[in-house]
Amino acid sequence: MATNDYTTIEEKELLELAKKRVKKIKDFYIHLFIYAIGVTVFVLKTYFGVPFNFIPVRYINWFVMSVWTFFLVVQAVQLFFNEVVFGKKWEQKKIQNFIEKDSNKKTWE
């Protein structure tokens, strides 16, 4: 019975992690869609001279687009490449290191 309780707790934790991951992916794609609209407006304004003079679009310039691109790339790296760099193997190795350090401290007492 005890193993069954742990399994359900682990399943709940995995479900919660999956929900958070899906929300992050959804937020990223919403951000990407808004960014695509921003790039379109920026290109129309800068290269084709379309007169967008209402408040939020008036302030889109090279600096704003550069900063926005930087944050979009950072968000993409955190979302998609974080798993490659800090995946399950890395996590297990770090846990093992902490356990070994903890057990080494206890043997000297």
C-alpha atoms as a PDB file:
ATOM      1  CA  MET A   1       0.000   0.000   0.000  1.00  0.00           C
ATOM      2  CA  ALA A   2       2.851   2.374   0.796  1.00  0.00           C
ATOM      3  CA  THR A   3       4.417   2.008  -2.641  1.00  0.00           C
ATOM      4  CA  ASN A   4       1.058   2.751  -4.197  1.00  0.00           C
ATOM      5  CA  ASP A   5       0.856   6.025  -2.239  1.00  0.00           C
ATOM      6  CA  TYR A   6       4.330   7.029  -3.410  1.00  0.00           C
ATOM      7  CA  THR A   7       3.403   6.202  -6.984  1.00  0.00           C
ATOM      8  CA  THR A   8       0.339   8.418  -6.875  1.00  0.00           C
ATOM      9  CA  ILE A   9       2.349  11.226  -5.263  1.00  0.00           C
ATOM     10  CA  GLU A  10       5.022  10.911  -7.954  1.00  0.00           C
ATOM     11  CA  GLU A  11       2.358  10.831 -10.657  1.00  0.00           C
ATOM     12  CA  LYS A  12       0.785  13.980  -9.216  1.00  0.00           C
ATOM     13  CA  GLU A  13       4.172  15.710  -9.166  1.00  0.00           C
ATOM     14  CA  LEU A  14       4.872  14.644 -12.749  1.00  0.00           C
ATOM     15  CA  LEU A  15       1.437  15.857 -13.819  1.00  0.00           C
ATOM     16  CA  GLU A  16       2.075  19.190 -12.108  1.00  0.00           C
ATOM     17  CA  LEU A  17       5.467  19.526 -13.835  1.00  0.00           C
ATOM     18  CA  ALA A  18       3.893  18.657 -17.181  1.00  0.00           C
ATOM     19  CA  LYS A  19       1.206  21.308 -16.687  1.00  0.00           C
ATOM     20  CA  LYS A  20       3.840  23.936 -15.869  1.00  0.00           C
ATOM     21  CA  ARG A  21       5.877  22.936 -18.932  1.00  0.00           C
ATOM     22  CA  VAL A  22       2.833  23.143 -21.214  1.00  0.00           C
ATOM     23  CA  LYS A  23       1.960  26.576 -19.807  1.00  0.00           C
ATOM     24  CA  LYS A  24       5.528  27.808 -20.442  1.00  0.00           C
ATOM     25  CA  ILE A  25       5.401  26.520 -24.030  1.00  0.00           C
ATOM     26  CA  LYS A  26       2.004  28.138 -24.574  1.00  0.00           C
ATOM     27  CA  ASP A  27       3.267  31.458 -23.170  1.00  0.00           C
ATOM     28  CA  PHE A  28       6.310  31.265 -25.434  1.00  0.00           C
ATOM     29  CA  TYR A  29       4.205  30.734 -28.560  1.00  0.00           C
ATOM     30  CA  ILE A  30       1.930  33.630 -27.588  1.00  0.00           C
ATOM     31  CA  HIS A  31       5.029  35.792 -27.129  1.00  0.00           C
ATOM     32  CA  LEU A  32       6.383  34.598 -30.489  1.00  0.00           C
ATOM     33  CA  PHE A  33       3.088  35.455 -32.225  1.00  0.00           C
ATOM     34  CA  ILE A  34       3.051  38.965 -30.738  1.00  0.00           C
ATOM     35  CA  TYR A  35       6.725  39.351 -31.700  1.00  0.00           C
ATOM     36  CA  ALA A  36       5.903  38.385 -35.310  1.00  0.00           C
ATOM     37  CA  ILE A  37       3.231  41.080 -35.386  1.00  0.00           C
ATOM     38  CA  GLY A  38       5.745  43.567 -33.937  1.00  0.00           C
ATOM     39  CA  VAL A  39       8.366  42.670 -36.546  1.00  0.00           C
ATOM     40  CA  THR A  40       5.804  43.039 -39.328  1.00  0.00           C
ATOM     41  CA  VAL A  41       4.786  46.483 -38.075  1.00  0.00           C
ATOM     42  CA  PHE A  42       8.451  47.476 -37.642  1.00  0.00           C
ATOM     43  CA  VAL A  43       9.349  46.417 -41.196  1.00  0.00           C
ATOM     44  CA  LEU A  44       6.313  48.184 -42.655  1.00  0.00           C
ATOM     45  CA  LYS A  45       7.109  51.336 -40.706  1.00  0.00           C
ATOM     46  CA  THR A  46      10.871  51.371 -41.295  1.00  0.00           C
ATOM     47  CA  TYR A  47      11.272  50.123 -44.847  1.00  0.00           C
ATOM     48  CA  PHE A  48       7.965  50.937 -46.506  1.00  0.00           C
ATOM     49  CA  GLY A  49       7.183  54.189 -44.709  1.00  0.00           C
ATOM     50  CA  VAL A  50       3.708  53.203 -43.560  1.00  0.00           C
ATOM     51  CA  PRO A  51       2.637  55.994 -41.179  1.00  0.00           C
ATOM     52  CA  PHE A  52       1.862  54.214 -37.905  1.00  0.00           C
ATOM     53  CA  ASN A  53       1.542  57.120 -35.496  1.00  0.00           C
ATOM     54  CA  PHE A  54      -0.530  55.749 -32.665  1.00  0.00           C
ATOM     55  CA  ILE A  55       1.039  55.438 -29.220  1.00  0.00           C
ATOM     56  CA  PRO A  56       2.534  51.923 -28.837  1.00  0.00           C
ATOM     57  CA  VAL A  57       3.681  51.574 -32.449  1.00  0.00           C
ATOM     58  CA  ARG A  58       5.218  55.040 -32.606  1.00  0.00           C
ATOM     59  CA  TYR A  59       8.023  53.953 -30.255  1.00  0.00           C
ATOM     60  CA  ILE A  60       9.095  50.791 -32.080  1.00  0.00           C
ATOM     61  CA  ASN A  61      12.663  51.364 -33.254  1.00  0.00           C
ATOM     62  CA  TRP A  62      15.897  49.392 -33.654  1.00  0.00           C
ATOM     63  CA  PHE A  63      16.683  49.478 -29.935  1.00  0.00           C
ATOM     64  CA  VAL A  64      13.251  48.212 -28.891  1.00  0.00           C
ATOM     65  CA  MET A  65      13.362  45.428 -31.479  1.00  0.00           C
ATOM     66  CA  SER A  66      16.887  44.424 -30.397  1.00  0.00           C
ATOM     67  CA  VAL A  67      15.912  44.200 -26.729  1.00  0.00           C
ATOM     68  CA  TRP A  68      12.703  42.353 -27.585  1.00  0.00           C
ATOM     69  CA  THR A  69      14.631  39.880 -29.771  1.00  0.00           C
ATOM     70  CA  PHE A  70      17.136  39.318 -26.976  1.00  0.00           C
ATOM     71  CA  PHE A  71      14.415  38.490 -24.456  1.00  0.00           C
ATOM     72  CA  LEU A  72      12.654  36.205 -26.920  1.00  0.00           C
ATOM     73  CA  VAL A  73      15.892  34.293 -27.549  1.00  0.00           C
ATOM     74  CA  VAL A  74      16.555  34.024 -23.800  1.00  0.00           C
ATOM     75  CA  GLN A  75      13.049  32.672 -23.266  1.00  0.00           C
ATOM     76  CA  ALA A  76      13.526  30.126 -26.079  1.00  0.00           C
ATOM     77  CA  VAL A  77      16.879  28.976 -24.684  1.00  0.00           C
ATOM     78  CA  GLN A  78      15.424  28.588 -21.202  1.00  0.00           C
ATOM     79  CA  LEU A  79      12.483  26.655 -22.534  1.00  0.00           C
ATOM     80  CA  PHE A  80      13.960  24.385 -25.183  1.00  0.00           C
ATOM     81  CA  PHE A  81      17.714  24.086 -24.540  1.00  0.00           C
ATOM     82  CA  ASN A  82      17.604  23.960 -20.751  1.00  0.00           C
ATOM     83  CA  GLU A  83      16.509  20.326 -20.953  1.00  0.00           C
ATOM     84  CA  VAL A  84      19.456  19.495 -23.213  1.00  0.00           C
ATOM     85  CA  VAL A  85      22.024  21.113 -20.915  1.00  0.00           C
ATOM     86  CA  PHE A  86      20.426  20.347 -17.545  1.00  0.00           C
ATOM     87  CA  GLY A  87      18.541  17.153 -18.345  1.00  0.00           C
ATOM     88  CA  LYS A  88      17.762  14.098 -16.245  1.00  0.00           C
ATOM     89  CA  LYS A  89      21.319  12.748 -16.387  1.00  0.00           C
ATOM     90  CA  TRP A  90      22.732  16.029 -15.074  1.00  0.00           C
ATOM     91  CA  GLU A  91      20.093  16.148 -12.352  1.00  0.00           C
ATOM     92  CA  GLN A  92      20.794  12.570 -11.250  1.00  0.00           C
ATOM     93  CA  LYS A  93      24.549  13.236 -11.221  1.00  0.00           C
ATOM     94  CA  LYS A  94      24.101  16.335  -9.031  1.00  0.00           C
ATOM     95  CA  ILE A  95      21.811  14.453  -6.631  1.00  0.00           C
ATOM     96  CA  GLN A  96      24.401  11.676  -6.404  1.00  0.00           C
ATOM     97  CA  ASN A  97      27.148  14.250  -5.691  1.00  0.00           C
ATOM     98  CA  PHE A  98      25.131  15.817  -2.875  1.00  0.00           C
ATOM     99  CA  ILE A  99      24.388  12.406  -1.384  1.00  0.00           C
ATOM    100  CA  GLU A 100      28.068  11.444  -1.528  1.00  0.00           C
ATOM    101  CA  LYS A 101      29.146  14.726   0.093  1.00  0.00           C
ATOM    102  CA  ASP A 102      26.561  14.253   2.810  1.00  0.00           C
ATOM    103  CA  SER A 103      27.625  10.652   3.464  1.00  0.00           C
ATOM    104  CA  ASN A 104      31.325  11.716   3.560  1.00  0.00           C
ATOM    105  CA  LYS A 105      30.564  14.276   6.248  1.00  0.00           C
ATOM    106  CA  LYS A 106      28.760  11.682   8.357  1.00  0.00           C
ATOM    107  CA  THR A 107      31.646   9.193   8.233  1.00  0.00           C
ATOM    108  CA  TRP A 108      34.091  11.649   9.820  1.00  0.00           C
ATOM    109  CA  GLU A 109      31.903  12.373  12.853  1.00  0.00           C
END
